[in-house]
């Protein structure tokens, strides 16, 4: 419907479905084949809610893995767009078309795990989203996890020109989403602060270096860079066209020309550019009577939240 296009301004065609699956592979490689980082006990009966499930590939793979351990596992995916396959594992409830920015009154409040991935640029108010996640997790044992890409290109050795097309592309993409009212910018300290304000504890942040192409001498970073380059180079124009044309007034030709130049930059092995993937996990604490008062920023110190500059350790093999 029109209201969906107003909120979600990226394509949802067959090519986009393929790109989403490529990015799923990219995240798996970047995370050493871990589907999640939260300390979940997969040997217990788990209920998992996947927000913005997309093609459903993450949920399907998780369901197939956990099915081998416990048939009581249940998982549900929510998304605007019903683009998931018809055949799903028996542990999955059928995905639902759902506006996650709307009311959650019909959503159960006993989830063990709520996941969000690549939703920056699609959500208007993350404060409200974190509050909804908090309210619908099990006290004491419920975890949320969020995975996002900081698209801003970085370069430590000066090989990427300061006026690169790649930098211009990222700047204009982020500016267009700012004007859309659904920012794609990553502000790690603000995210940690909002999670704490929502009531979460045990907030962890993992940062993964992602090369724009396989220029690194490190074997793992090269593999990550290959998959990231495939996914982004195929989806660059689709990711950029509608936001830049509508929010910045650029012509379709100008957008395509910029994307072509940016693609050349990101595929040039001489340019040692990289961006970052951020993974946040947080737990809903036990709700004792004394803690049911409105959440405030009392006692919160963003500098004391653990930050890990490495790939997350495995919670399952």
C-alpha atoms as a PDB file:
ATOM      1  CA  UNK A   1       0.000   0.000   0.000  1.00  0.00           C
ATOM      2  CA  UNK A   2       0.944   3.676  -0.227  1.00  0.00           C
ATOM      3  CA  UNK A   3       1.611   3.980   3.519  1.00  0.00           C
ATOM      4  CA  UNK A   4       4.193   1.225   3.213  1.00  0.00           C
ATOM      5  CA  UNK A   5       5.996   3.025   0.403  1.00  0.00           C
ATOM      6  CA  UNK A   6       6.031   6.170   2.537  1.00  0.00           C
ATOM      7  CA  UNK A   7       7.852   4.270   5.292  1.00  0.00           C
ATOM      8  CA  UNK A   8       9.937   1.702   3.412  1.00  0.00           C
ATOM      9  CA  UNK A   9      11.421   3.364   0.347  1.00  0.00           C
ATOM     10  CA  UNK A  10      13.717   0.588  -0.848  1.00  0.00           C
ATOM     11  CA  UNK A  11      12.849  -1.923  -3.604  1.00  0.00           C
ATOM     12  CA  UNK A  12      11.174  -5.255  -2.859  1.00  0.00           C
ATOM     13  CA  UNK A  13      11.573  -6.978  -6.235  1.00  0.00           C
ATOM     14  CA  UNK A  14      13.251 -10.291  -7.102  1.00  0.00           C
ATOM     15  CA  UNK A  15      16.666  -8.651  -7.440  1.00  0.00           C
ATOM     16  CA  UNK A  16      16.308  -7.168  -3.973  1.00  0.00           C
ATOM     17  CA  UNK A  17      15.389 -10.562  -2.550  1.00  0.00           C
ATOM     18  CA  UNK A  18      18.588 -11.965  -4.028  1.00  0.00           C
ATOM     19  CA  UNK A  19      20.594  -9.085  -2.569  1.00  0.00           C
ATOM     20  CA  UNK A  20      19.092  -9.666   0.869  1.00  0.00           C
ATOM     21  CA  UNK A  21      20.196 -13.285   0.711  1.00  0.00           C
ATOM     22  CA  UNK A  22      23.702 -12.209  -0.336  1.00  0.00           C
ATOM     23  CA  UNK A  23      23.876  -9.866   2.647  1.00  0.00           C
ATOM     24  CA  UNK A  24      22.758 -12.747   4.856  1.00  0.00           C
ATOM     25  CA  UNK A  25      25.789 -14.694   3.616  1.00  0.00           C
ATOM     26  CA  UNK A  26      27.981 -11.643   4.187  1.00  0.00           C
ATOM     27  CA  UNK A  27      26.860 -11.354   7.801  1.00  0.00           C
ATOM     28  CA  UNK A  28      27.470 -15.064   8.361  1.00  0.00           C
ATOM     29  CA  UNK A  29      31.028 -14.803   7.036  1.00  0.00           C
ATOM     30  CA  UNK A  30      31.687 -11.638   9.041  1.00  0.00           C
ATOM     31  CA  UNK A  31      30.406 -13.334  12.210  1.00  0.00           C
ATOM     32  CA  UNK A  32      32.275 -16.622  11.753  1.00  0.00           C
ATOM     33  CA  UNK A  33      29.046 -18.419  10.786  1.00  0.00           C
ATOM     34  CA  UNK A  34      27.237 -17.391  13.964  1.00  0.00           C
ATOM     35  CA  UNK A  35      23.547 -16.632  13.469  1.00  0.00           C
ATOM     36  CA  UNK A  36      23.394 -14.632  16.695  1.00  0.00           C
ATOM     37  CA  UNK A  37      25.610 -13.248  19.448  1.00  0.00           C
ATOM     38  CA  UNK A  38      23.215 -13.159  22.411  1.00  0.00           C
ATOM     39  CA  UNK A  39      23.940 -15.861  25.038  1.00  0.00           C
ATOM     40  CA  UNK A  40      20.892 -17.985  24.250  1.00  0.00           C
ATOM     41  CA  UNK A  41      20.498 -21.533  25.514  1.00  0.00           C
ATOM     42  CA  UNK A  42      19.435 -23.238  22.289  1.00  0.00           C
ATOM     43  CA  UNK A  43      18.891 -26.513  24.138  1.00  0.00           C
ATOM     44  CA  UNK A  44      15.870 -24.965  25.836  1.00  0.00           C
ATOM     45  CA  UNK A  45      12.494 -24.255  24.266  1.00  0.00           C
ATOM     46  CA  UNK A  46      12.907 -20.815  22.703  1.00  0.00           C
ATOM     47  CA  UNK A  47      10.517 -18.309  21.174  1.00  0.00           C
ATOM     48  CA  UNK A  48      12.207 -15.997  18.673  1.00  0.00           C
ATOM     49  CA  UNK A  49      10.743 -12.895  17.004  1.00  0.00           C
ATOM     50  CA  UNK A  50      12.476 -11.652  13.836  1.00  0.00           C
ATOM     51  CA  UNK A  51      11.606  -8.031  13.021  1.00  0.00           C
ATOM     52  CA  UNK A  52      11.793  -7.063   9.355  1.00  0.00           C
ATOM     53  CA  UNK A  53      12.447 -10.686   8.452  1.00  0.00           C
ATOM     54  CA  UNK A  54      12.861  -9.961   4.724  1.00  0.00           C
ATOM     55  CA  UNK A  55      13.174 -13.200   2.761  1.00  0.00           C
ATOM     56  CA  UNK A  56      13.163 -15.113   6.036  1.00  0.00           C
ATOM     57  CA  UNK A  57      16.487 -16.804   5.290  1.00  0.00           C
ATOM     58  CA  UNK A  58      17.967 -16.072   8.740  1.00  0.00           C
ATOM     59  CA  UNK A  59      14.912 -17.407  10.530  1.00  0.00           C
ATOM     60  CA  UNK A  60      14.760 -20.485   8.321  1.00  0.00           C
ATOM     61  CA  UNK A  61      18.401 -21.351   8.979  1.00  0.00           C
ATOM     62  CA  UNK A  62      17.964 -20.783  12.705  1.00  0.00           C
ATOM     63  CA  UNK A  63      14.836 -22.923  12.733  1.00  0.00           C
ATOM     64  CA  UNK A  64      16.518 -25.759  10.867  1.00  0.00           C
ATOM     65  CA  UNK A  65      19.448 -25.727  13.266  1.00  0.00           C
ATOM     66  CA  UNK A  66      17.414 -25.580  16.455  1.00  0.00           C
ATOM     67  CA  UNK A  67      14.957 -28.173  15.141  1.00  0.00           C
ATOM     68  CA  UNK A  68      17.771 -30.691  15.396  1.00  0.00           C
ATOM     69  CA  UNK A  69      18.026 -29.846  19.098  1.00  0.00           C
ATOM     70  CA  UNK A  70      14.491 -29.164  20.280  1.00  0.00           C
ATOM     71  CA  UNK A  71      11.222 -29.362  18.359  1.00  0.00           C
ATOM     72  CA  UNK A  72       9.604 -27.032  20.906  1.00  0.00           C
ATOM     73  CA  UNK A  73      11.458 -24.074  19.393  1.00  0.00           C
ATOM     74  CA  UNK A  74       9.070 -21.560  17.829  1.00  0.00           C
ATOM     75  CA  UNK A  75       9.954 -18.613  15.636  1.00  0.00           C
ATOM     76  CA  UNK A  76       7.885 -15.907  13.959  1.00  0.00           C
ATOM     77  CA  UNK A  77       8.837 -13.251  11.439  1.00  0.00           C
ATOM     78  CA  UNK A  78       7.211  -9.855  10.994  1.00  0.00           C
ATOM     79  CA  UNK A  79       7.566  -7.670   7.920  1.00  0.00           C
ATOM     80  CA  UNK A  80       5.662  -5.202   5.753  1.00  0.00           C
ATOM     81  CA  UNK A  81       6.245  -7.291   2.674  1.00  0.00           C
ATOM     82  CA  UNK A  82       5.343 -10.960   2.270  1.00  0.00           C
ATOM     83  CA  UNK A  83       8.351 -12.098   0.226  1.00  0.00           C
ATOM     84  CA  UNK A  84       9.212 -15.232   2.184  1.00  0.00           C
ATOM     85  CA  UNK A  85       9.139 -18.742   0.643  1.00  0.00           C
ATOM     86  CA  UNK A  86       6.014 -20.859   1.027  1.00  0.00           C
ATOM     87  CA  UNK A  87       7.922 -23.876   2.368  1.00  0.00           C
ATOM     88  CA  UNK A  88       9.135 -23.220   5.911  1.00  0.00           C
ATOM     89  CA  UNK A  89      10.420 -25.466   8.727  1.00  0.00           C
ATOM     90  CA  UNK A  90       7.760 -26.891  11.087  1.00  0.00           C
ATOM     91  CA  UNK A  91       9.215 -24.874  13.971  1.00  0.00           C
ATOM     92  CA  UNK A  92       8.317 -21.604  12.247  1.00  0.00           C
ATOM     93  CA  UNK A  93       4.990 -19.877  12.539  1.00  0.00           C
ATOM     94  CA  UNK A  94       3.985 -18.389   9.173  1.00  0.00           C
ATOM     95  CA  UNK A  95       5.440 -14.870   8.721  1.00  0.00           C
ATOM     96  CA  UNK A  96       2.980 -12.030   9.243  1.00  0.00           C
ATOM     97  CA  UNK A  97       2.553  -8.764   7.392  1.00  0.00           C
ATOM     98  CA  UNK A  98       2.900  -6.298  10.239  1.00  0.00           C
ATOM     99  CA  UNK A  99       3.767  -2.640  10.769  1.00  0.00           C
ATOM    100  CA  UNK A 100       6.348  -2.905  13.551  1.00  0.00           C
ATOM    101  CA  UNK A 101       6.072   0.843  14.143  1.00  0.00           C
ATOM    102  CA  UNK A 102       2.392   0.450  14.967  1.00  0.00           C
ATOM    103  CA  UNK A 103       0.692  -1.148  17.952  1.00  0.00           C
ATOM    104  CA  UNK A 104       2.107  -4.410  19.313  1.00  0.00           C
ATOM    105  CA  UNK A 105      -1.071  -5.255  21.231  1.00  0.00           C
ATOM    106  CA  UNK A 106      -1.501  -8.486  19.260  1.00  0.00           C
ATOM    107  CA  UNK A 107       2.095  -9.625  19.868  1.00  0.00           C
ATOM    108  CA  UNK A 108       2.820 -12.033  22.732  1.00  0.00           C
ATOM    109  CA  UNK A 109       4.925 -10.812  25.631  1.00  0.00           C
ATOM    110  CA  UNK A 110       6.954 -13.938  26.313  1.00  0.00           C
ATOM    111  CA  UNK A 111       9.704 -13.933  23.706  1.00  0.00           C
ATOM    112  CA  UNK A 112      13.166 -15.243  24.529  1.00  0.00           C
ATOM    113  CA  UNK A 113      14.853 -13.369  21.703  1.00  0.00           C
ATOM    114  CA  UNK A 114      13.883 -10.407  19.504  1.00  0.00           C
ATOM    115  CA  UNK A 115      16.124  -9.656  16.551  1.00  0.00           C
ATOM    116  CA  UNK A 116      16.466  -6.663  14.211  1.00  0.00           C
ATOM    117  CA  UNK A 117      18.930  -6.443  11.327  1.00  0.00           C
ATOM    118  CA  UNK A 118      19.546  -3.634   8.834  1.00  0.00           C
ATOM    119  CA  UNK A 119      16.536  -1.639  10.002  1.00  0.00           C
ATOM    120  CA  UNK A 120      18.328   1.714  10.280  1.00  0.00           C
ATOM    121  CA  UNK A 121      16.730   3.805   7.549  1.00  0.00           C
ATOM    122  CA  UNK A 122      13.334   2.152   8.055  1.00  0.00           C
ATOM    123  CA  UNK A 123      12.381   3.140  11.626  1.00  0.00           C
ATOM    124  CA  UNK A 124      11.418   6.649  12.680  1.00  0.00           C
ATOM    125  CA  UNK A 125      11.743   6.375  16.471  1.00  0.00           C
ATOM    126  CA  UNK A 126      14.144   3.836  17.936  1.00  0.00           C
ATOM    127  CA  UNK A 127      13.302   4.898  21.478  1.00  0.00           C
ATOM    128  CA  UNK A 128       9.782   3.537  20.993  1.00  0.00           C
ATOM    129  CA  UNK A 129      11.060   0.437  19.185  1.00  0.00           C
ATOM    130  CA  UNK A 130      13.400  -0.472  22.043  1.00  0.00           C
ATOM    131  CA  UNK A 131      10.564   0.035  24.523  1.00  0.00           C
ATOM    132  CA  UNK A 132       8.370  -2.365  22.535  1.00  0.00           C
ATOM    133  CA  UNK A 133      11.135  -4.949  22.435  1.00  0.00           C
ATOM    134  CA  UNK A 134      11.633  -4.594  26.172  1.00  0.00           C
ATOM    135  CA  UNK A 135       7.943  -4.995  26.977  1.00  0.00           C
ATOM    136  CA  UNK A 136       7.634  -8.167  24.888  1.00  0.00           C
ATOM    137  CA  UNK A 137      10.656 -10.081  26.188  1.00  0.00           C
ATOM    138  CA  UNK A 138      10.668 -12.510  29.099  1.00  0.00           C
ATOM    139  CA  UNK A 139      11.966 -10.866  32.291  1.00  0.00           C
ATOM    140  CA  UNK A 140      15.385 -12.031  33.375  1.00  0.00           C
ATOM    141  CA  UNK A 141      16.211 -14.169  30.352  1.00  0.00           C
ATOM    142  CA  UNK A 142      14.910 -12.315  27.294  1.00  0.00           C
ATOM    143  CA  UNK A 143      17.493 -10.816  24.929  1.00  0.00           C
ATOM    144  CA  UNK A 144      17.346  -8.370  22.051  1.00  0.00           C
ATOM    145  CA  UNK A 145      19.917  -8.170  19.277  1.00  0.00           C
ATOM    146  CA  UNK A 146      20.409  -5.528  16.618  1.00  0.00           C
ATOM    147  CA  UNK A 147      22.812  -5.674  13.651  1.00  0.00           C
ATOM    148  CA  UNK A 148      23.520  -2.571  11.566  1.00  0.00           C
ATOM    149  CA  UNK A 149      26.020  -1.335   8.981  1.00  0.00           C
ATOM    150  CA  UNK A 150      27.759   2.024   9.369  1.00  0.00           C
ATOM    151  CA  UNK A 151      28.143   2.878   5.687  1.00  0.00           C
ATOM    152  CA  UNK A 152      30.623   5.737   6.197  1.00  0.00           C
ATOM    153  CA  UNK A 153      33.878   4.780   4.408  1.00  0.00           C
ATOM    154  CA  UNK A 154      37.029   4.937   6.498  1.00  0.00           C
ATOM    155  CA  UNK A 155      40.663   4.685   5.456  1.00  0.00           C
ATOM    156  CA  UNK A 156      43.665   4.497   7.784  1.00  0.00           C
ATOM    157  CA  UNK A 157      46.486   4.841   5.252  1.00  0.00           C
ATOM    158  CA  UNK A 158      45.298   7.716   3.058  1.00  0.00           C
ATOM    159  CA  UNK A 159      44.800   5.605  -0.066  1.00  0.00           C
ATOM    160  CA  UNK A 160      41.147   6.652  -0.440  1.00  0.00           C
ATOM    161  CA  UNK A 161      40.960  10.210  -1.840  1.00  0.00           C
ATOM    162  CA  UNK A 162      39.258  12.689   0.468  1.00  0.00           C
ATOM    163  CA  UNK A 163      36.934  13.670  -2.391  1.00  0.00           C
ATOM    164  CA  UNK A 164      36.137  10.089  -3.405  1.00  0.00           C
ATOM    165  CA  UNK A 165      32.850   9.219  -5.071  1.00  0.00           C
ATOM    166  CA  UNK A 166      32.401   6.511  -2.438  1.00  0.00           C
ATOM    167  CA  UNK A 167      32.493   9.118   0.306  1.00  0.00           C
ATOM    168  CA  UNK A 168      30.116  11.378  -1.626  1.00  0.00           C
ATOM    169  CA  UNK A 169      27.705   8.480  -2.153  1.00  0.00           C
ATOM    170  CA  UNK A 170      27.623   7.592   1.544  1.00  0.00           C
ATOM    171  CA  UNK A 171      27.180  11.234   2.538  1.00  0.00           C
ATOM    172  CA  UNK A 172      24.245  11.758   0.177  1.00  0.00           C
ATOM    173  CA  UNK A 173      22.602   8.462   1.099  1.00  0.00           C
ATOM    174  CA  UNK A 174      22.709   9.315   4.801  1.00  0.00           C
ATOM    175  CA  UNK A 175      21.535  12.875   4.150  1.00  0.00           C
ATOM    176  CA  UNK A 176      18.571  11.628   2.118  1.00  0.00           C
ATOM    177  CA  UNK A 177      17.468   9.251   4.890  1.00  0.00           C
ATOM    178  CA  UNK A 178      17.844  12.044   7.454  1.00  0.00           C
ATOM    179  CA  UNK A 179      15.392  14.120   5.423  1.00  0.00           C
ATOM    180  CA  UNK A 180      13.097  11.110   5.171  1.00  0.00           C
ATOM    181  CA  UNK A 181      12.921  11.089   8.973  1.00  0.00           C
ATOM    182  CA  UNK A 182      14.321   7.556   9.229  1.00  0.00           C
ATOM    183  CA  UNK A 183      18.015   7.947   9.815  1.00  0.00           C
ATOM    184  CA  UNK A 184      20.511   5.376   8.617  1.00  0.00           C
ATOM    185  CA  UNK A 185      23.355   6.913  10.616  1.00  0.00           C
ATOM    186  CA  UNK A 186      25.017   4.774  13.255  1.00  0.00           C
ATOM    187  CA  UNK A 187      25.613   6.520  16.586  1.00  0.00           C
ATOM    188  CA  UNK A 188      26.890   3.776  18.919  1.00  0.00           C
ATOM    189  CA  UNK A 189      26.783   5.849  22.093  1.00  0.00           C
ATOM    190  CA  UNK A 190      23.224   7.008  21.395  1.00  0.00           C
ATOM    191  CA  UNK A 191      22.106   3.438  20.697  1.00  0.00           C
ATOM    192  CA  UNK A 192      23.584   2.223  23.985  1.00  0.00           C
ATOM    193  CA  UNK A 193      21.951   5.144  25.787  1.00  0.00           C
ATOM    194  CA  UNK A 194      18.522   4.418  24.307  1.00  0.00           C
ATOM    195  CA  UNK A 195      18.798   0.730  25.199  1.00  0.00           C
ATOM    196  CA  UNK A 196      19.620   1.651  28.782  1.00  0.00           C
ATOM    197  CA  UNK A 197      16.745   4.136  28.935  1.00  0.00           C
ATOM    198  CA  UNK A 198      14.377   1.422  27.739  1.00  0.00           C
ATOM    199  CA  UNK A 199      15.418  -0.651  30.751  1.00  0.00           C
ATOM    200  CA  UNK A 200      17.888  -3.101  29.232  1.00  0.00           C
ATOM    201  CA  UNK A 201      20.945  -4.331  31.108  1.00  0.00           C
ATOM    202  CA  UNK A 202      24.049  -6.315  30.095  1.00  0.00           C
ATOM    203  CA  UNK A 203      24.397  -4.133  27.007  1.00  0.00           C
ATOM    204  CA  UNK A 204      27.213  -5.364  24.768  1.00  0.00           C
ATOM    205  CA  UNK A 205      28.517  -3.839  21.567  1.00  0.00           C
ATOM    206  CA  UNK A 206      30.617  -5.684  18.989  1.00  0.00           C
ATOM    207  CA  UNK A 207      32.344  -3.862  16.132  1.00  0.00           C
ATOM    208  CA  UNK A 208      33.484  -5.691  12.994  1.00  0.00           C
ATOM    209  CA  UNK A 209      35.740  -4.123  10.372  1.00  0.00           C
ATOM    210  CA  UNK A 210      34.350  -4.626   6.858  1.00  0.00           C
ATOM    211  CA  UNK A 211      36.531  -3.913   3.817  1.00  0.00           C
ATOM    212  CA  UNK A 212      34.664  -2.535   0.815  1.00  0.00           C
ATOM    213  CA  UNK A 213      36.588  -4.994  -1.368  1.00  0.00           C
ATOM    214  CA  UNK A 214      39.104  -7.795  -0.645  1.00  0.00           C
ATOM    215  CA  UNK A 215      42.167  -5.561  -0.310  1.00  0.00           C
ATOM    216  CA  UNK A 216      43.242  -6.686   3.168  1.00  0.00           C
ATOM    217  CA  UNK A 217      46.203  -8.981   3.830  1.00  0.00           C
ATOM    218  CA  UNK A 218      44.089 -10.758   6.449  1.00  0.00           C
ATOM    219  CA  UNK A 219      42.393 -13.840   4.974  1.00  0.00           C
ATOM    220  CA  UNK A 220      39.181 -13.461   6.988  1.00  0.00           C
ATOM    221  CA  UNK A 221      38.867  -9.769   6.143  1.00  0.00           C
ATOM    222  CA  UNK A 222      39.317 -10.585   2.451  1.00  0.00           C
ATOM    223  CA  UNK A 223      36.477 -13.104   2.580  1.00  0.00           C
ATOM    224  CA  UNK A 224      34.237 -10.619   4.353  1.00  0.00           C
ATOM    225  CA  UNK A 225      35.176  -7.954   1.806  1.00  0.00           C
ATOM    226  CA  UNK A 226      34.340 -10.210  -1.132  1.00  0.00           C
ATOM    227  CA  UNK A 227      30.802 -10.899   0.058  1.00  0.00           C
ATOM    228  CA  UNK A 228      30.210  -7.290   1.092  1.00  0.00           C
ATOM    229  CA  UNK A 229      31.431  -6.067  -2.288  1.00  0.00           C
ATOM    230  CA  UNK A 230      29.144  -8.482  -4.135  1.00  0.00           C
ATOM    231  CA  UNK A 231      26.081  -7.468  -2.148  1.00  0.00           C
ATOM    232  CA  UNK A 232      26.680  -3.727  -2.192  1.00  0.00           C
ATOM    233  CA  UNK A 233      27.874  -3.428  -5.790  1.00  0.00           C
ATOM    234  CA  UNK A 234      24.744  -5.225  -6.984  1.00  0.00           C
ATOM    235  CA  UNK A 235      22.437  -3.154  -4.803  1.00  0.00           C
ATOM    236  CA  UNK A 236      24.081   0.260  -4.855  1.00  0.00           C
ATOM    237  CA  UNK A 237      21.723   1.902  -7.353  1.00  0.00           C
ATOM    238  CA  UNK A 238      18.606   0.267  -5.914  1.00  0.00           C
ATOM    239  CA  UNK A 239      19.589   1.382  -2.418  1.00  0.00           C
ATOM    240  CA  UNK A 240      20.228   4.947  -3.555  1.00  0.00           C
ATOM    241  CA  UNK A 241      17.804   5.811  -6.333  1.00  0.00           C
ATOM    242  CA  UNK A 242      14.529   6.497  -4.540  1.00  0.00           C
ATOM    243  CA  UNK A 243      15.985   8.277  -1.453  1.00  0.00           C
ATOM    244  CA  UNK A 244      18.325  10.521  -3.433  1.00  0.00           C
ATOM    245  CA  UNK A 245      15.786  11.393  -6.112  1.00  0.00           C
ATOM    246  CA  UNK A 246      12.941  12.079  -3.713  1.00  0.00           C
ATOM    247  CA  UNK A 247      14.758  13.640  -0.766  1.00  0.00           C
ATOM    248  CA  UNK A 248      17.650  15.414  -2.521  1.00  0.00           C
ATOM    249  CA  UNK A 249      16.006  16.213  -5.852  1.00  0.00           C
ATOM    250  CA  UNK A 250      18.680  14.435  -7.881  1.00  0.00           C
ATOM    251  CA  UNK A 251      17.875  13.192 -11.370  1.00  0.00           C
ATOM    252  CA  UNK A 252      17.922   9.491 -12.100  1.00  0.00           C
ATOM    253  CA  UNK A 253      20.940  10.019 -14.361  1.00  0.00           C
ATOM    254  CA  UNK A 254      22.862  11.853 -11.636  1.00  0.00           C
ATOM    255  CA  UNK A 255      22.136   9.094  -9.123  1.00  0.00           C
ATOM    256  CA  UNK A 256      23.233   6.374 -11.524  1.00  0.00           C
ATOM    257  CA  UNK A 257      26.394   8.293 -12.457  1.00  0.00           C
ATOM    258  CA  UNK A 258      27.292   8.747  -8.783  1.00  0.00           C
ATOM    259  CA  UNK A 259      26.653   5.075  -8.044  1.00  0.00           C
ATOM    260  CA  UNK A 260      28.799   4.021 -11.000  1.00  0.00           C
ATOM    261  CA  UNK A 261      31.702   6.158  -9.772  1.00  0.00           C
ATOM    262  CA  UNK A 262      31.233   4.935  -6.195  1.00  0.00           C
ATOM    263  CA  UNK A 263      31.219   1.336  -7.422  1.00  0.00           C
ATOM    264  CA  UNK A 264      34.540   1.932  -9.179  1.00  0.00           C
ATOM    265  CA  UNK A 265      35.995   3.255  -5.936  1.00  0.00           C
ATOM    266  CA  UNK A 266      34.731   0.373  -3.825  1.00  0.00           C
ATOM    267  CA  UNK A 267      36.086  -2.187  -6.308  1.00  0.00           C
ATOM    268  CA  UNK A 268      39.534  -0.574  -6.559  1.00  0.00           C
ATOM    269  CA  UNK A 269      42.034  -2.660  -4.582  1.00  0.00           C
ATOM    270  CA  UNK A 270      44.308   0.371  -4.288  1.00  0.00           C
ATOM    271  CA  UNK A 271      41.756   2.077  -2.043  1.00  0.00           C
ATOM    272  CA  UNK A 272      41.923   0.565   1.434  1.00  0.00           C
ATOM    273  CA  UNK A 273      38.448   1.680   2.438  1.00  0.00           C
ATOM    274  CA  UNK A 274      36.355  -0.051   5.053  1.00  0.00           C
ATOM    275  CA  UNK A 275      33.186   0.453   7.046  1.00  0.00           C
ATOM    276  CA  UNK A 276      31.866  -1.168  10.218  1.00  0.00           C
ATOM    277  CA  UNK A 277      29.188  -3.577  11.334  1.00  0.00           C
ATOM    278  CA  UNK A 278      27.758  -2.987  14.807  1.00  0.00           C
ATOM    279  CA  UNK A 279      26.074  -5.686  16.865  1.00  0.00           C
ATOM    280  CA  UNK A 280      24.248  -4.787  20.059  1.00  0.00           C
ATOM    281  CA  UNK A 281      22.838  -7.327  22.486  1.00  0.00           C
ATOM    282  CA  UNK A 282      20.979  -6.505  25.689  1.00  0.00           C
ATOM    283  CA  UNK A 283      18.983  -8.365  28.329  1.00  0.00           C
ATOM    284  CA  UNK A 284      15.674  -7.581  29.980  1.00  0.00           C
ATOM    285  CA  UNK A 285      16.280  -7.831  33.745  1.00  0.00           C
ATOM    286  CA  UNK A 286      13.991  -9.422  36.302  1.00  0.00           C
ATOM    287  CA  UNK A 287      11.158  -7.017  37.017  1.00  0.00           C
ATOM    288  CA  UNK A 288      10.961  -6.704  40.775  1.00  0.00           C
ATOM    289  CA  UNK A 289       8.256  -4.421  42.198  1.00  0.00           C
ATOM    290  CA  UNK A 290      10.787  -1.698  42.913  1.00  0.00           C
ATOM    291  CA  UNK A 291      11.918  -1.611  39.272  1.00  0.00           C
ATOM    292  CA  UNK A 292       8.502  -1.088  37.702  1.00  0.00           C
ATOM    293  CA  UNK A 293       8.790   2.681  37.968  1.00  0.00           C
ATOM    294  CA  UNK A 294       9.366   4.726  34.793  1.00  0.00           C
ATOM    295  CA  UNK A 295      12.838   4.213  33.403  1.00  0.00           C
ATOM    296  CA  UNK A 296      15.222   7.141  33.707  1.00  0.00           C
ATOM    297  CA  UNK A 297      18.847   7.763  32.824  1.00  0.00           C
ATOM    298  CA  UNK A 298      19.793   7.517  36.508  1.00  0.00           C
ATOM    299  CA  UNK A 299      23.181   5.897  36.946  1.00  0.00           C
ATOM    300  CA  UNK A 300      23.760   5.338  33.228  1.00  0.00           C
ATOM    301  CA  UNK A 301      27.288   5.781  31.923  1.00  0.00           C
ATOM    302  CA  UNK A 302      27.763   5.081  28.212  1.00  0.00           C
ATOM    303  CA  UNK A 303      31.508   4.817  28.698  1.00  0.00           C
ATOM    304  CA  UNK A 304      31.060   1.757  30.932  1.00  0.00           C
ATOM    305  CA  UNK A 305      29.189  -0.304  28.342  1.00  0.00           C
ATOM    306  CA  UNK A 306      31.509  -3.074  27.057  1.00  0.00           C
ATOM    307  CA  UNK A 307      32.673  -2.539  23.486  1.00  0.00           C
ATOM    308  CA  UNK A 308      34.329  -5.434  21.666  1.00  0.00           C
ATOM    309  CA  UNK A 309      36.409  -4.671  18.569  1.00  0.00           C
ATOM    310  CA  UNK A 310      36.445  -8.245  17.324  1.00  0.00           C
ATOM    311  CA  UNK A 311      34.188 -10.892  15.844  1.00  0.00           C
ATOM    312  CA  UNK A 312      31.712 -12.208  18.426  1.00  0.00           C
ATOM    313  CA  UNK A 313      32.462 -15.509  20.099  1.00  0.00           C
ATOM    314  CA  UNK A 314      30.370 -18.489  19.113  1.00  0.00           C
ATOM    315  CA  UNK A 315      27.305 -19.473  21.113  1.00  0.00           C
ATOM    316  CA  UNK A 316      26.804 -22.557  18.988  1.00  0.00           C
ATOM    317  CA  UNK A 317      28.709 -24.500  16.350  1.00  0.00           C
END
